Amino acid sequence: MTSAFAPAFAGFGTGLSLIVAIGAQNAFVLRQGIRRDAVLAVVGICALSDAVLIALGVGGVGAVVVAWPAALTVVGWIGGLFLLGYGALAARRVVRPAGTGLDAEGGAAAGSRRRAVLTCLALTWLNPHVYLDTVFLVGSVAADHGPARWTFGVGAALASLCWFAALGFGARLLGRFLARPAAWRVLDALVAATMIVLGVTLIAGA
């Protein structure tokens, strides 16, 4: 039973490590949660968008690997190097923090649901890092799981849903915690460790 769900757990951990980072999208979701402004719509857009992009990554990269098995080696090396790079950047933030937490109080006052939806869509679909994280990195790690790659993808999508739901609906509690630079140093340390382990695993299996 545990082995059957192992790819899902791996996907959950990978997805969470990629999503948890100080950024405009997370700040926006947290801000909307604190203001209690269109929270359900914003969380839904972020989670659904990630699920679609993860599916594209798992299906696209997986299809390439099936059609050309040697691509698994190429994808493994490229994905592994990217993950090691991400891990190194997270580790650098632990050693040399920016000194600021996630600012959820700035920006314009609460507006219409339409404005919140459009802003959320822009922050999600116009951010090139989103495509790198969900389509390529998640897709490349998922491809390493072979036939279980879709289970891995479900785990990654579930991680996205849990994270954005926690940010949006738990904003009143999380806002104080995430506003502290020390909190992000702890998160970055966990992200760095996860990324480096995944990167080494991908390269070793390539």
N, C-alpha and C. Protein backbone atom coordinates (compact mmCIF):
# COMPACT_ATOMS: atom_id res chain seq x y z
N MET A 1 0.83 -1.20 0.00
CA MET A 1 0.00 0.00 0.00
C MET A 1 0.86 1.26 0.00
N THR A 2 1.91 1.22 0.86
CA THR A 2 2.78 2.39 0.94
C THR A 2 3.51 2.62 -0.38
N SER A 3 4.00 1.53 -1.00
CA SER A 3 4.73 1.67 -2.26
C SER A 3 3.82 2.19 -3.37
N ALA A 4 2.53 1.85 -3.31
CA ALA A 4 1.60 2.31 -4.33
C ALA A 4 1.41 3.82 -4.27
N PHE A 5 1.49 4.37 -3.06
CA PHE A 5 1.31 5.80 -2.90
C PHE A 5 2.63 6.57 -2.86
N ALA A 6 3.75 5.84 -2.95
CA ALA A 6 5.06 6.49 -2.88
C ALA A 6 5.24 7.57 -3.95
N PRO A 7 4.85 7.32 -5.22
CA PRO A 7 4.99 8.38 -6.24
C PRO A 7 4.16 9.62 -5.91
N ALA A 8 2.97 9.41 -5.31
CA ALA A 8 2.13 10.55 -4.95
C ALA A 8 2.79 11.37 -3.85
N PHE A 9 3.37 10.69 -2.86
CA PHE A 9 4.07 11.40 -1.79
C PHE A 9 5.28 12.15 -2.34
N ALA A 10 5.99 11.50 -3.28
CA ALA A 10 7.15 12.15 -3.90
C ALA A 10 6.71 13.38 -4.69
N GLY A 11 5.59 13.25 -5.39
CA GLY A 11 5.05 14.38 -6.15
C GLY A 11 4.61 15.51 -5.25
N PHE A 12 4.02 15.15 -4.12
CA PHE A 12 3.57 16.16 -3.15
C PHE A 12 4.77 16.95 -2.62
N GLY A 13 5.83 16.23 -2.26
CA GLY A 13 7.02 16.90 -1.74
C GLY A 13 7.70 17.77 -2.78
N THR A 14 7.78 17.26 -4.01
CA THR A 14 8.41 18.03 -5.08
C THR A 14 7.60 19.28 -5.39
N GLY A 15 6.28 19.11 -5.53
CA GLY A 15 5.42 20.25 -5.83
C GLY A 15 5.48 21.30 -4.76
N LEU A 16 5.47 20.88 -3.51
CA LEU A 16 5.50 21.83 -2.40
C LEU A 16 6.82 22.59 -2.37
N SER A 17 7.91 21.90 -2.62
CA SER A 17 9.21 22.56 -2.57
C SER A 17 9.36 23.59 -3.68
N LEU A 18 8.67 23.39 -4.81
CA LEU A 18 8.74 24.34 -5.90
C LEU A 18 7.83 25.54 -5.68
N ILE A 19 6.70 25.32 -5.00
CA ILE A 19 5.71 26.38 -4.82
C ILE A 19 6.09 27.30 -3.68
N VAL A 20 6.66 26.74 -2.60
CA VAL A 20 6.96 27.52 -1.40
C VAL A 20 8.17 28.41 -1.67
N ALA A 21 7.93 29.62 -2.00
CA ALA A 21 9.00 30.62 -2.22
C ALA A 21 8.36 31.99 -2.17
N ILE A 22 9.14 32.97 -1.72
CA ILE A 22 8.63 34.34 -1.71
C ILE A 22 8.45 34.79 -3.14
N GLY A 23 7.26 35.20 -3.49
CA GLY A 23 7.00 35.64 -4.85
C GLY A 23 5.71 36.42 -4.94
N ALA A 24 5.48 37.04 -6.11
CA ALA A 24 4.32 37.89 -6.29
C ALA A 24 3.01 37.11 -6.14
N GLN A 25 2.99 35.89 -6.66
CA GLN A 25 1.76 35.09 -6.60
C GLN A 25 1.40 34.74 -5.17
N ASN A 26 2.38 34.25 -4.40
CA ASN A 26 2.12 33.91 -3.01
C ASN A 26 1.71 35.13 -2.19
N ALA A 27 2.39 36.25 -2.44
CA ALA A 27 2.05 37.48 -1.73
C ALA A 27 0.63 37.92 -2.04
N PHE A 28 0.23 37.78 -3.30
CA PHE A 28 -1.12 38.17 -3.71
C PHE A 28 -2.17 37.30 -3.04
N VAL A 29 -1.94 35.98 -3.04
CA VAL A 29 -2.90 35.07 -2.41
C VAL A 29 -3.02 35.36 -0.92
N LEU A 30 -1.88 35.58 -0.27
CA LEU A 30 -1.88 35.88 1.16
C LEU A 30 -2.60 37.21 1.43
N ARG A 31 -2.34 38.19 0.59
CA ARG A 31 -2.98 39.50 0.74
C ARG A 31 -4.49 39.40 0.60
N GLN A 32 -4.93 38.64 -0.41
CA GLN A 32 -6.38 38.46 -0.60
C GLN A 32 -7.00 37.74 0.60
N GLY A 33 -6.25 36.78 1.16
CA GLY A 33 -6.76 36.06 2.32
C GLY A 33 -6.90 36.95 3.53
N ILE A 34 -5.91 37.81 3.76
CA ILE A 34 -5.98 38.72 4.90
C ILE A 34 -7.15 39.68 4.76
N ARG A 35 -7.41 40.11 3.53
CA ARG A 35 -8.51 41.05 3.27
C ARG A 35 -9.85 40.34 3.08
N ARG A 36 -9.78 39.00 2.99
CA ARG A 36 -10.99 38.19 2.76
C ARG A 36 -11.72 38.66 1.49
N ASP A 37 -10.94 38.84 0.45
CA ASP A 37 -11.45 39.36 -0.82
C ASP A 37 -11.27 38.31 -1.92
N ALA A 38 -12.37 37.72 -2.38
CA ALA A 38 -12.37 36.74 -3.47
C ALA A 38 -11.38 35.61 -3.23
N VAL A 39 -11.31 35.14 -1.99
CA VAL A 39 -10.31 34.13 -1.62
C VAL A 39 -10.54 32.81 -2.36
N LEU A 40 -11.79 32.35 -2.39
CA LEU A 40 -12.08 31.07 -3.03
C LEU A 40 -11.73 31.11 -4.52
N ALA A 41 -12.07 32.20 -5.18
CA ALA A 41 -11.77 32.34 -6.61
C ALA A 41 -10.27 32.34 -6.86
N VAL A 42 -9.53 33.08 -6.05
CA VAL A 42 -8.08 33.19 -6.22
C VAL A 42 -7.40 31.85 -5.95
N VAL A 43 -7.76 31.19 -4.86
CA VAL A 43 -7.18 29.89 -4.54
C VAL A 43 -7.51 28.88 -5.64
N GLY A 44 -8.75 28.90 -6.11
CA GLY A 44 -9.17 27.99 -7.16
C GLY A 44 -8.40 28.19 -8.46
N ILE A 45 -8.18 29.44 -8.84
CA ILE A 45 -7.45 29.74 -10.07
C ILE A 45 -6.00 29.25 -9.96
N CYS A 46 -5.36 29.54 -8.84
CA CYS A 46 -3.96 29.14 -8.66
C CYS A 46 -3.82 27.62 -8.69
N ALA A 47 -4.67 26.93 -7.94
CA ALA A 47 -4.57 25.47 -7.85
C ALA A 47 -4.93 24.81 -9.18
N LEU A 48 -6.00 25.29 -9.83
CA LEU A 48 -6.41 24.69 -11.10
C LEU A 48 -5.38 24.96 -12.20
N SER A 49 -4.83 26.16 -12.21
CA SER A 49 -3.80 26.49 -13.20
C SER A 49 -2.59 25.59 -13.04
N ASP A 50 -2.16 25.39 -11.80
CA ASP A 50 -1.03 24.50 -11.55
C ASP A 50 -1.34 23.07 -11.98
N ALA A 51 -2.57 22.62 -11.72
CA ALA A 51 -2.96 21.26 -12.10
C ALA A 51 -2.89 21.09 -13.62
N VAL A 52 -3.36 22.09 -14.36
CA VAL A 52 -3.32 22.03 -15.83
C VAL A 52 -1.89 22.01 -16.32
N LEU A 53 -1.05 22.89 -15.77
CA LEU A 53 0.35 22.96 -16.20
C LEU A 53 1.12 21.69 -15.82
N ILE A 54 0.83 21.16 -14.64
CA ILE A 54 1.48 19.91 -14.22
C ILE A 54 1.08 18.77 -15.16
N ALA A 55 -0.19 18.72 -15.53
CA ALA A 55 -0.66 17.69 -16.46
C ALA A 55 0.04 17.81 -17.81
N LEU A 56 0.23 19.05 -18.27
CA LEU A 56 0.94 19.28 -19.53
C LEU A 56 2.39 18.80 -19.41
N GLY A 57 3.00 19.08 -18.26
CA GLY A 57 4.38 18.67 -18.05
C GLY A 57 4.53 17.17 -17.97
N VAL A 58 3.67 16.53 -17.17
CA VAL A 58 3.73 15.07 -17.01
C VAL A 58 3.43 14.37 -18.34
N GLY A 59 2.38 14.85 -19.03
CA GLY A 59 2.01 14.24 -20.30
C GLY A 59 3.01 14.51 -21.40
N GLY A 60 3.47 15.77 -21.50
CA GLY A 60 4.39 16.15 -22.57
C GLY A 60 5.75 15.52 -22.43
N VAL A 61 6.38 15.68 -21.27
CA VAL A 61 7.70 15.10 -21.06
C VAL A 61 7.62 13.58 -21.09
N GLY A 62 6.53 13.04 -20.50
CA GLY A 62 6.35 11.59 -20.49
C GLY A 62 6.21 11.02 -21.88
N ALA A 63 5.49 11.73 -22.76
CA ALA A 63 5.30 11.27 -24.13
C ALA A 63 6.63 11.26 -24.89
N VAL A 64 7.46 12.26 -24.65
CA VAL A 64 8.78 12.32 -25.29
C VAL A 64 9.63 11.13 -24.86
N VAL A 65 9.58 10.83 -23.57
CA VAL A 65 10.38 9.72 -23.04
C VAL A 65 9.90 8.38 -23.60
N VAL A 66 8.57 8.22 -23.73
CA VAL A 66 8.03 6.98 -24.29
C VAL A 66 8.44 6.83 -25.75
N ALA A 67 8.36 7.93 -26.51
CA ALA A 67 8.71 7.88 -27.93
C ALA A 67 10.21 7.74 -28.15
N TRP A 68 10.99 8.32 -27.24
CA TRP A 68 12.44 8.29 -27.37
C TRP A 68 13.04 8.02 -25.99
N PRO A 69 13.21 6.74 -25.62
CA PRO A 69 13.69 6.38 -24.27
C PRO A 69 14.99 7.07 -23.88
N ALA A 70 15.86 7.33 -24.86
CA ALA A 70 17.13 7.99 -24.54
C ALA A 70 16.91 9.40 -24.00
N ALA A 71 15.71 9.96 -24.25
CA ALA A 71 15.42 11.32 -23.77
C ALA A 71 15.40 11.36 -22.25
N LEU A 72 15.14 10.21 -21.60
CA LEU A 72 15.10 10.18 -20.15
C LEU A 72 16.46 10.59 -19.56
N THR A 73 17.52 10.20 -20.25
CA THR A 73 18.86 10.59 -19.78
C THR A 73 19.06 12.09 -19.91
N VAL A 74 18.65 12.63 -21.06
CA VAL A 74 18.79 14.07 -21.30
C VAL A 74 17.94 14.86 -20.30
N VAL A 75 16.68 14.44 -20.17
CA VAL A 75 15.77 15.12 -19.24
C VAL A 75 16.28 15.01 -17.81
N GLY A 76 16.82 13.83 -17.46
CA GLY A 76 17.34 13.63 -16.12
C GLY A 76 18.48 14.57 -15.79
N TRP A 77 19.40 14.72 -16.74
CA TRP A 77 20.55 15.61 -16.51
C TRP A 77 20.12 17.07 -16.46
N ILE A 78 19.29 17.49 -17.42
CA ILE A 78 18.87 18.90 -17.45
C ILE A 78 18.02 19.22 -16.23
N GLY A 79 17.04 18.36 -15.94
CA GLY A 79 16.18 18.59 -14.77
C GLY A 79 16.98 18.55 -13.48
N GLY A 80 17.91 17.60 -13.39
CA GLY A 80 18.74 17.49 -12.18
C GLY A 80 19.59 18.72 -11.96
N LEU A 81 20.18 19.25 -13.04
CA LEU A 81 21.01 20.45 -12.92
C LEU A 81 20.18 21.66 -12.52
N PHE A 82 18.98 21.76 -13.09
CA PHE A 82 18.07 22.85 -12.72
C PHE A 82 17.72 22.77 -11.24
N LEU A 83 17.40 21.58 -10.78
CA LEU A 83 17.04 21.40 -9.38
C LEU A 83 18.21 21.72 -8.46
N LEU A 84 19.40 21.31 -8.84
CA LEU A 84 20.58 21.64 -8.04
C LEU A 84 20.79 23.16 -8.01
N GLY A 85 20.53 23.81 -9.14
CA GLY A 85 20.64 25.26 -9.19
C GLY A 85 19.63 25.93 -8.27
N TYR A 86 18.39 25.45 -8.31
CA TYR A 86 17.35 25.97 -7.42
C TYR A 86 17.73 25.74 -5.97
N GLY A 87 18.25 24.56 -5.68
CA GLY A 87 18.65 24.25 -4.32
C GLY A 87 19.77 25.15 -3.84
N ALA A 88 20.72 25.44 -4.73
CA ALA A 88 21.83 26.32 -4.37
C ALA A 88 21.33 27.74 -4.08
N LEU A 89 20.37 28.21 -4.88
CA LEU A 89 19.82 29.55 -4.65
C LEU A 89 19.08 29.61 -3.32
N ALA A 90 18.31 28.55 -2.99
CA ALA A 90 17.61 28.51 -1.72
C ALA A 90 18.60 28.45 -0.55
N ALA A 91 19.68 27.68 -0.73
CA ALA A 91 20.70 27.60 0.32
C ALA A 91 21.39 28.94 0.51
N ARG A 92 21.58 29.66 -0.59
CA ARG A 92 22.19 30.99 -0.49
C ARG A 92 21.30 31.94 0.29
N ARG A 93 19.98 31.82 0.10
CA ARG A 93 19.06 32.69 0.84
C ARG A 93 19.09 32.38 2.33
N VAL A 94 19.39 31.12 2.67
CA VAL A 94 19.50 30.76 4.09
C VAL A 94 20.72 31.43 4.70
N VAL A 95 21.84 31.39 3.96
CA VAL A 95 23.09 31.95 4.47
C VAL A 95 23.08 33.48 4.39
N ARG A 96 22.52 33.99 3.29
CA ARG A 96 22.48 35.44 3.09
C ARG A 96 21.04 35.87 2.83
N PRO A 97 20.22 35.91 3.88
CA PRO A 97 18.80 36.27 3.70
C PRO A 97 18.64 37.71 3.26
N ALA A 98 17.53 37.97 2.56
CA ALA A 98 17.25 39.33 2.08
C ALA A 98 16.90 40.26 3.23
N GLY A 99 16.47 39.68 4.36
CA GLY A 99 16.15 40.50 5.53
C GLY A 99 14.70 40.93 5.59
N THR A 100 13.90 40.47 4.65
CA THR A 100 12.48 40.83 4.64
C THR A 100 11.63 39.59 4.49
N GLY A 101 10.47 39.64 5.10
CA GLY A 101 9.52 38.54 4.95
C GLY A 101 8.58 38.82 3.80
N LEU A 102 7.52 38.07 3.73
CA LEU A 102 6.54 38.24 2.68
C LEU A 102 5.61 39.37 3.05
N ASP A 103 5.62 40.43 2.26
CA ASP A 103 4.80 41.61 2.53
C ASP A 103 3.40 41.41 1.98
N ALA A 104 2.45 41.25 2.87
CA ALA A 104 1.07 41.01 2.43
C ALA A 104 0.20 42.24 2.64
N GLU A 105 0.77 43.33 3.09
CA GLU A 105 -0.02 44.51 3.41
C GLU A 105 0.02 45.57 2.33
N GLY A 106 1.00 45.47 1.44
CA GLY A 106 1.14 46.51 0.42
C GLY A 106 0.14 46.34 -0.69
N GLY A 107 0.26 47.24 -1.70
CA GLY A 107 -0.62 47.14 -2.86
C GLY A 107 -1.90 47.91 -2.71
N ALA A 108 -2.72 47.83 -3.72
CA ALA A 108 -3.97 48.58 -3.74
C ALA A 108 -4.97 47.99 -2.77
N ALA A 109 -5.96 48.78 -2.46
CA ALA A 109 -7.01 48.34 -1.55
C ALA A 109 -7.84 47.26 -2.22
N ALA A 110 -8.59 46.55 -1.40
CA ALA A 110 -9.42 45.47 -1.92
C ALA A 110 -10.35 46.00 -2.99
N GLY A 111 -10.44 45.29 -4.11
CA GLY A 111 -11.27 45.75 -5.22
C GLY A 111 -12.32 44.74 -5.57
N SER A 112 -12.73 44.75 -6.84
CA SER A 112 -13.79 43.87 -7.29
C SER A 112 -13.27 42.46 -7.48
N ARG A 113 -14.20 41.51 -7.51
CA ARG A 113 -13.83 40.12 -7.76
C ARG A 113 -13.19 39.99 -9.14
N ARG A 114 -13.71 40.74 -10.11
CA ARG A 114 -13.17 40.69 -11.48
C ARG A 114 -11.72 41.12 -11.50
N ARG A 115 -11.38 42.19 -10.78
CA ARG A 115 -10.00 42.66 -10.73
C ARG A 115 -9.09 41.62 -10.08
N ALA A 116 -9.59 41.01 -9.01
CA ALA A 116 -8.79 40.00 -8.31
C ALA A 116 -8.53 38.80 -9.22
N VAL A 117 -9.56 38.38 -9.96
CA VAL A 117 -9.42 37.23 -10.86
C VAL A 117 -8.42 37.53 -11.97
N LEU A 118 -8.55 38.71 -12.58
CA LEU A 118 -7.65 39.08 -13.67
C LEU A 118 -6.20 39.20 -13.18
N THR A 119 -6.03 39.79 -12.01
CA THR A 119 -4.69 39.92 -11.44
C THR A 119 -4.08 38.55 -11.16
N CYS A 120 -4.89 37.66 -10.61
CA CYS A 120 -4.42 36.31 -10.30
C CYS A 120 -4.05 35.56 -11.57
N LEU A 121 -4.85 35.68 -12.60
CA LEU A 121 -4.56 35.03 -13.87
C LEU A 121 -3.25 35.55 -14.47
N ALA A 122 -3.05 36.86 -14.37
CA ALA A 122 -1.83 37.47 -14.92
C ALA A 122 -0.60 36.99 -14.15
N LEU A 123 -0.69 36.99 -12.81
CA LEU A 123 0.45 36.58 -11.99
C LEU A 123 0.79 35.11 -12.20
N THR A 124 -0.21 34.32 -12.58
CA THR A 124 0.00 32.89 -12.77
C THR A 124 0.50 32.56 -14.18
N TRP A 125 -0.22 33.02 -15.20
CA TRP A 125 0.06 32.59 -16.57
C TRP A 125 1.09 33.45 -17.29
N LEU A 126 1.39 34.63 -16.77
CA LEU A 126 2.40 35.48 -17.40
C LEU A 126 3.75 35.41 -16.70
N ASN A 127 3.87 34.48 -15.75
CA ASN A 127 5.12 34.30 -15.02
C ASN A 127 5.90 33.13 -15.63
N PRO A 128 7.03 33.42 -16.29
CA PRO A 128 7.79 32.33 -16.93
C PRO A 128 8.28 31.27 -15.96
N HIS A 129 8.50 31.64 -14.70
CA HIS A 129 8.98 30.66 -13.72
C HIS A 129 7.94 29.58 -13.46
N VAL A 130 6.65 29.93 -13.62
CA VAL A 130 5.59 28.95 -13.41
C VAL A 130 5.74 27.81 -14.40
N TYR A 131 6.05 28.14 -15.65
CA TYR A 131 6.19 27.11 -16.68
C TYR A 131 7.44 26.25 -16.42
N LEU A 132 8.51 26.88 -15.98
CA LEU A 132 9.72 26.13 -15.67
C LEU A 132 9.47 25.16 -14.52
N ASP A 133 8.78 25.65 -13.48
CA ASP A 133 8.53 24.82 -12.29
C ASP A 133 7.58 23.67 -12.58
N THR A 134 6.41 24.01 -13.14
CA THR A 134 5.36 23.00 -13.28
C THR A 134 5.51 22.12 -14.51
N VAL A 135 5.76 22.74 -15.66
CA VAL A 135 5.81 21.97 -16.90
C VAL A 135 7.12 21.20 -17.02
N PHE A 136 8.24 21.90 -16.87
CA PHE A 136 9.52 21.22 -17.11
C PHE A 136 10.04 20.45 -15.90
N LEU A 137 10.17 21.13 -14.76
CA LEU A 137 10.79 20.47 -13.62
C LEU A 137 9.91 19.33 -13.09
N VAL A 138 8.61 19.61 -12.85
CA VAL A 138 7.73 18.54 -12.37
C VAL A 138 7.62 17.45 -13.42
N GLY A 139 7.54 17.86 -14.70
CA GLY A 139 7.45 16.87 -15.77
C GLY A 139 8.67 15.98 -15.85
N SER A 140 9.86 16.57 -15.67
CA SER A 140 11.08 15.78 -15.76
C SER A 140 11.23 14.82 -14.59
N VAL A 141 10.88 15.28 -13.38
CA VAL A 141 10.95 14.40 -12.22
C VAL A 141 9.90 13.30 -12.34
N ALA A 142 8.71 13.65 -12.84
CA ALA A 142 7.65 12.65 -13.01
C ALA A 142 8.05 11.58 -14.01
N ALA A 143 8.74 11.99 -15.08
CA ALA A 143 9.15 11.03 -16.11
C ALA A 143 10.04 9.95 -15.54
N ASP A 144 10.77 10.27 -14.49
CA ASP A 144 11.66 9.30 -13.86
C ASP A 144 10.88 8.20 -13.15
N HIS A 145 9.57 8.41 -12.92
CA HIS A 145 8.74 7.41 -12.25
C HIS A 145 8.02 6.49 -13.24
N GLY A 146 8.30 6.67 -14.52
CA GLY A 146 7.74 5.77 -15.53
C GLY A 146 6.22 5.72 -15.53
N PRO A 147 5.63 4.51 -15.48
CA PRO A 147 4.17 4.39 -15.52
C PRO A 147 3.46 5.08 -14.35
N ALA A 148 4.17 5.32 -13.27
CA ALA A 148 3.56 5.96 -12.09
C ALA A 148 3.67 7.48 -12.14
N ARG A 149 4.05 8.02 -13.31
CA ARG A 149 4.26 9.47 -13.39
C ARG A 149 2.97 10.25 -13.16
N TRP A 150 1.82 9.68 -13.55
CA TRP A 150 0.57 10.41 -13.34
C TRP A 150 0.19 10.44 -11.86
N THR A 151 0.54 9.39 -11.13
CA THR A 151 0.33 9.40 -9.68
C THR A 151 1.20 10.48 -9.04
N PHE A 152 2.42 10.59 -9.54
CA PHE A 152 3.33 11.65 -9.10
C PHE A 152 2.72 13.01 -9.38
N GLY A 153 2.16 13.18 -10.57
CA GLY A 153 1.54 14.45 -10.95
C GLY A 153 0.36 14.81 -10.06
N VAL A 154 -0.44 13.81 -9.70
CA VAL A 154 -1.57 14.05 -8.80
C VAL A 154 -1.07 14.56 -7.45
N GLY A 155 0.02 13.96 -6.97
CA GLY A 155 0.60 14.41 -5.70
C GLY A 155 1.08 15.84 -5.78
N ALA A 156 1.72 16.21 -6.90
CA ALA A 156 2.20 17.58 -7.08
C ALA A 156 1.04 18.57 -7.15
N ALA A 157 -0.03 18.20 -7.85
CA ALA A 157 -1.19 19.08 -7.95
C ALA A 157 -1.87 19.23 -6.59
N LEU A 158 -1.90 18.16 -5.82
CA LEU A 158 -2.48 18.22 -4.47
C LEU A 158 -1.66 19.14 -3.57
N ALA A 159 -0.35 19.13 -3.73
CA ALA A 159 0.52 20.02 -2.95
C ALA A 159 0.19 21.48 -3.26
N SER A 160 -0.04 21.78 -4.52
CA SER A 160 -0.40 23.13 -4.93
C SER A 160 -1.72 23.55 -4.29
N LEU A 161 -2.70 22.66 -4.34
CA LEU A 161 -4.01 22.97 -3.75
C LEU A 161 -3.88 23.21 -2.25
N CYS A 162 -3.15 22.36 -1.56
CA CYS A 162 -2.99 22.50 -0.11
C CYS A 162 -2.27 23.80 0.25
N TRP A 163 -1.22 24.13 -0.51
CA TRP A 163 -0.44 25.33 -0.21
C TRP A 163 -1.27 26.60 -0.41
N PHE A 164 -1.94 26.71 -1.55
CA PHE A 164 -2.71 27.92 -1.83
C PHE A 164 -3.92 28.03 -0.92
N ALA A 165 -4.53 26.89 -0.58
CA ALA A 165 -5.65 26.92 0.37
C ALA A 165 -5.18 27.38 1.74
N ALA A 166 -4.00 26.90 2.16
CA ALA A 166 -3.45 27.31 3.45
C ALA A 166 -3.13 28.80 3.45
N LEU A 167 -2.56 29.29 2.35
CA LEU A 167 -2.24 30.72 2.25
C LEU A 167 -3.49 31.57 2.27
N GLY A 168 -4.47 31.19 1.45
CA GLY A 168 -5.66 32.00 1.33
C GLY A 168 -6.58 31.95 2.54
N PHE A 169 -6.90 30.75 2.99
CA PHE A 169 -7.87 30.60 4.08
C PHE A 169 -7.23 30.66 5.46
N GLY A 170 -5.91 30.46 5.51
CA GLY A 170 -5.23 30.56 6.80
C GLY A 170 -4.40 31.82 6.91
N ALA A 171 -4.73 32.80 6.07
CA ALA A 171 -3.92 34.02 5.98
C ALA A 171 -3.80 34.75 7.30
N ARG A 172 -4.86 34.78 8.08
CA ARG A 172 -4.83 35.52 9.35
C ARG A 172 -3.75 34.97 10.28
N LEU A 173 -3.54 33.66 10.23
CA LEU A 173 -2.52 33.04 11.08
C LEU A 173 -1.16 33.03 10.40
N LEU A 174 -1.15 32.66 9.09
CA LEU A 174 0.11 32.54 8.37
C LEU A 174 0.75 33.88 8.10
N GLY A 175 -0.07 34.94 8.00
CA GLY A 175 0.46 36.26 7.68
C GLY A 175 1.51 36.70 8.68
N ARG A 176 1.26 36.49 9.95
CA ARG A 176 2.22 36.89 10.98
C ARG A 176 3.49 36.05 10.91
N PHE A 177 3.30 34.76 10.65
CA PHE A 177 4.45 33.85 10.59
C PHE A 177 5.34 34.15 9.38
N LEU A 178 4.70 34.30 8.19
CA LEU A 178 5.45 34.49 6.96
C LEU A 178 6.02 35.89 6.83
N ALA A 179 5.58 36.81 7.68
CA ALA A 179 6.13 38.16 7.64
C ALA A 179 7.51 38.22 8.29
N ARG A 180 7.89 37.14 8.99
CA ARG A 180 9.19 37.11 9.67
C ARG A 180 10.25 36.49 8.78
N PRO A 181 11.37 37.18 8.57
CA PRO A 181 12.44 36.64 7.73
C PRO A 181 12.93 35.27 8.20
N ALA A 182 12.95 35.04 9.52
CA ALA A 182 13.43 33.77 10.05
C ALA A 182 12.59 32.60 9.55
N ALA A 183 11.28 32.84 9.39
CA ALA A 183 10.40 31.77 8.91
C ALA A 183 10.79 31.34 7.50
N TRP A 184 11.14 32.31 6.67
CA TRP A 184 11.52 31.98 5.30
C TRP A 184 12.88 31.31 5.22
N ARG A 185 13.75 31.60 6.21
CA ARG A 185 15.04 30.91 6.24
C ARG A 185 14.83 29.42 6.51
N VAL A 186 13.89 29.11 7.40
CA VAL A 186 13.58 27.71 7.69
C VAL A 186 13.00 27.03 6.46
N LEU A 187 12.04 27.70 5.79
CA LEU A 187 11.42 27.15 4.59
C LEU A 187 12.45 26.97 3.48
N ASP A 188 13.31 27.97 3.32
CA ASP A 188 14.34 27.88 2.28
C ASP A 188 15.31 26.74 2.56
N ALA A 189 15.61 26.49 3.83
CA ALA A 189 16.50 25.38 4.18
C ALA A 189 15.86 24.04 3.78
N LEU A 190 14.56 23.90 4.05
CA LEU A 190 13.86 22.68 3.66
C LEU A 190 13.80 22.54 2.14
N VAL A 191 13.53 23.66 1.46
CA VAL A 191 13.47 23.65 0.00
C VAL A 191 14.83 23.27 -0.58
N ALA A 192 15.90 23.87 -0.05
CA ALA A 192 17.25 23.59 -0.54
C ALA A 192 17.58 22.10 -0.40
N ALA A 193 17.28 21.54 0.76
CA ALA A 193 17.58 20.12 1.00
C ALA A 193 16.80 19.23 0.03
N THR A 194 15.51 19.54 -0.15
CA THR A 194 14.67 18.74 -1.04
C THR A 194 15.16 18.82 -2.48
N MET A 195 15.46 20.04 -2.93
CA MET A 195 15.90 20.24 -4.31
C MET A 195 17.21 19.51 -4.59
N ILE A 196 18.16 19.62 -3.68
CA ILE A 196 19.47 19.00 -3.89
C ILE A 196 19.35 17.48 -3.93
N VAL A 197 18.54 16.93 -3.03
CA VAL A 197 18.33 15.47 -3.02
C VAL A 197 17.67 15.02 -4.32
N LEU A 198 16.64 15.75 -4.77
CA LEU A 198 15.96 15.40 -6.02
C LEU A 198 16.88 15.54 -7.21
N GLY A 199 17.69 16.61 -7.22
CA GLY A 199 18.62 16.83 -8.32
C GLY A 199 19.63 15.71 -8.43
N VAL A 200 20.21 15.33 -7.31
CA VAL A 200 21.19 14.24 -7.29
C VAL A 200 20.54 12.92 -7.72
N THR A 201 19.30 12.70 -7.24
CA THR A 201 18.59 11.46 -7.60
C THR A 201 18.32 11.39 -9.10
N LEU A 202 17.89 12.53 -9.68
CA LEU A 202 17.62 12.56 -11.12
C LEU A 202 18.88 12.27 -11.93
N ILE A 203 19.98 12.93 -11.58
CA ILE A 203 21.23 12.75 -12.31
C ILE A 203 21.75 11.33 -12.14
N ALA A 204 21.64 10.79 -10.93
CA ALA A 204 22.13 9.44 -10.67
C ALA A 204 21.34 8.40 -11.48
N GLY A 205 20.05 8.66 -11.68
CA GLY A 205 19.22 7.72 -12.42
C GLY A 205 19.24 7.93 -13.92
N ALA A 206 19.91 9.00 -14.38
CA ALA A 206 19.91 9.32 -15.82
C ALA A 206 20.80 8.35 -16.60
